């Protein structure tokens, strides 16, 4: 199933409460070109997010032309790549969902630990 089909359900299940969107401080949602269709845009706008949907090429060009520009959506793709390095998570042979979730939490903790070590030495 493609991610765009689960966009509305994902946005409805946000774990952390977000501040109420205001005119001066709107809530932004960065996405890639897979979410550029009308149904995805409507789901995003219905939940009061300001969509930023770009092609990968657009962000790469902006990064090259403007020093200090950070491509926001690549953070998610990078994190998925890091999770894919834990081969046990790629194909789940765990007998229970709780076991798989525990391994996923352990992988996330290890990623955070590695990032902390690289930042603080």
Protein backbone atom coordinates (compact mmCIF):
# COMPACT_ATOMS: atom_id res chain seq x y z
CA UNK A 1 0.00 0.00 0.00
CA UNK A 2 1.34 3.41 -0.90
CA UNK A 3 1.89 5.94 1.88
CA UNK A 4 -0.52 8.47 0.39
CA UNK A 5 -3.45 6.13 1.12
CA UNK A 6 -2.62 6.27 4.83
CA UNK A 7 -1.92 10.02 4.98
CA UNK A 8 -5.22 11.03 6.60
CA UNK A 9 -5.03 8.23 9.18
CA UNK A 10 -1.41 9.12 9.98
CA UNK A 11 -2.20 12.80 10.46
CA UNK A 12 -5.13 11.91 12.69
CA UNK A 13 -2.90 9.71 14.88
CA UNK A 14 -0.22 12.29 15.67
CA UNK A 15 1.07 11.31 19.10
CA UNK A 16 2.22 14.70 20.34
CA UNK A 17 -0.33 17.50 20.57
CA UNK A 18 0.60 20.37 18.30
CA UNK A 19 -0.02 24.05 18.98
CA UNK A 20 -3.12 25.53 17.42
CA UNK A 21 -2.27 26.91 13.98
CA UNK A 22 -2.47 30.69 13.70
CA UNK A 23 -2.03 33.11 10.82
CA UNK A 24 1.43 34.19 12.05
CA UNK A 25 2.57 30.68 12.97
CA UNK A 26 1.01 28.15 10.58
CA UNK A 27 1.74 24.45 10.88
CA UNK A 28 3.90 23.18 8.03
CA UNK A 29 4.01 19.71 6.51
CA UNK A 30 6.88 18.76 4.21
CA UNK A 31 6.30 15.93 1.75
CA UNK A 32 7.69 14.55 -1.48
CA UNK A 33 6.08 14.38 -4.91
CA UNK A 34 4.16 11.21 -4.01
CA UNK A 35 1.74 13.45 -2.10
CA UNK A 36 1.13 16.06 -4.82
CA UNK A 37 -2.34 14.81 -5.80
CA UNK A 38 -5.60 16.54 -4.90
CA UNK A 39 -6.75 13.95 -2.29
CA UNK A 40 -3.49 14.28 -0.34
CA UNK A 41 -3.54 18.08 -0.54
CA UNK A 42 -7.15 18.14 0.69
CA UNK A 43 -6.33 15.82 3.61
CA UNK A 44 -3.42 18.06 4.62
CA UNK A 45 -5.35 21.33 4.31
CA UNK A 46 -8.40 19.88 6.11
CA UNK A 47 -6.16 19.36 9.15
CA UNK A 48 -4.89 22.96 8.94
CA UNK A 49 -1.37 22.23 7.76
CA UNK A 50 0.40 24.33 5.16
CA UNK A 51 1.71 21.79 2.62
CA UNK A 52 5.22 21.99 1.16
CA UNK A 53 5.38 19.36 -1.56
CA UNK A 54 8.55 19.37 -3.61
CA UNK A 55 10.41 17.18 -6.04
CA UNK A 56 13.78 15.88 -4.87
CA UNK A 57 15.40 17.86 -7.68
CA UNK A 58 13.94 21.14 -6.35
CA UNK A 59 15.46 20.63 -2.89
CA UNK A 60 18.81 19.57 -4.35
CA UNK A 61 18.90 22.72 -6.49
CA UNK A 62 17.96 24.93 -3.54
CA UNK A 63 20.66 23.31 -1.41
CA UNK A 64 23.25 23.99 -4.10
CA UNK A 65 22.18 27.61 -4.73
CA UNK A 66 21.50 28.76 -1.15
CA UNK A 67 24.21 28.11 1.45
CA UNK A 68 22.80 26.86 4.74
CA UNK A 69 19.57 25.52 3.18
CA UNK A 70 18.47 22.26 4.76
CA UNK A 71 16.27 19.80 2.89
CA UNK A 72 13.63 18.86 5.46
CA UNK A 73 12.07 15.75 3.95
CA UNK A 74 15.42 13.97 3.61
CA UNK A 75 15.54 13.67 7.40
CA UNK A 76 12.74 11.09 7.27
CA UNK A 77 14.25 9.21 4.34
CA UNK A 78 17.64 9.14 6.07
CA UNK A 79 16.07 7.74 9.24
CA UNK A 80 14.25 5.03 7.27
CA UNK A 81 17.57 4.14 5.68
CA UNK A 82 19.19 3.83 9.10
CA UNK A 83 16.35 1.57 10.29
CA UNK A 84 16.76 -0.61 7.18
CA UNK A 85 20.34 -1.36 8.25
CA UNK A 86 18.92 -3.45 11.09
CA UNK A 87 18.36 -6.57 9.01
CA UNK A 88 16.23 -8.23 11.66
CA UNK A 89 13.60 -5.53 11.07
CA UNK A 90 13.49 -5.88 7.28
CA UNK A 91 11.71 -9.23 7.29
CA UNK A 92 9.77 -9.81 10.46
CA UNK A 93 9.86 -13.39 11.70
CA UNK A 94 8.84 -12.40 15.21
CA UNK A 95 5.94 -14.40 16.62
CA UNK A 96 4.25 -11.45 18.29
CA UNK A 97 3.73 -7.82 17.42
CA UNK A 98 5.11 -6.86 20.82
CA UNK A 99 8.42 -8.56 19.98
CA UNK A 100 8.71 -6.67 16.69
CA UNK A 101 7.82 -3.34 18.35
CA UNK A 102 10.45 -4.01 21.02
CA UNK A 103 13.11 -4.61 18.35
CA UNK A 104 12.00 -1.45 16.54
CA UNK A 105 12.31 0.55 19.77
CA UNK A 106 15.76 -0.93 20.38
CA UNK A 107 16.87 0.03 16.85
CA UNK A 108 15.55 3.58 17.34
CA UNK A 109 17.38 3.85 20.66
CA UNK A 110 20.61 2.65 19.06
CA UNK A 111 20.25 5.24 16.29
CA UNK A 112 19.71 7.99 18.86
CA UNK A 113 22.73 6.76 20.85
CA UNK A 114 24.95 6.82 17.76
CA UNK A 115 23.83 10.35 16.94
CA UNK A 116 24.50 11.47 20.51
CA UNK A 117 28.00 10.00 20.39
CA UNK A 118 28.75 11.77 17.09
CA UNK A 119 27.55 15.10 18.52
CA UNK A 120 29.15 14.95 21.96
CA UNK A 121 32.24 12.90 21.11
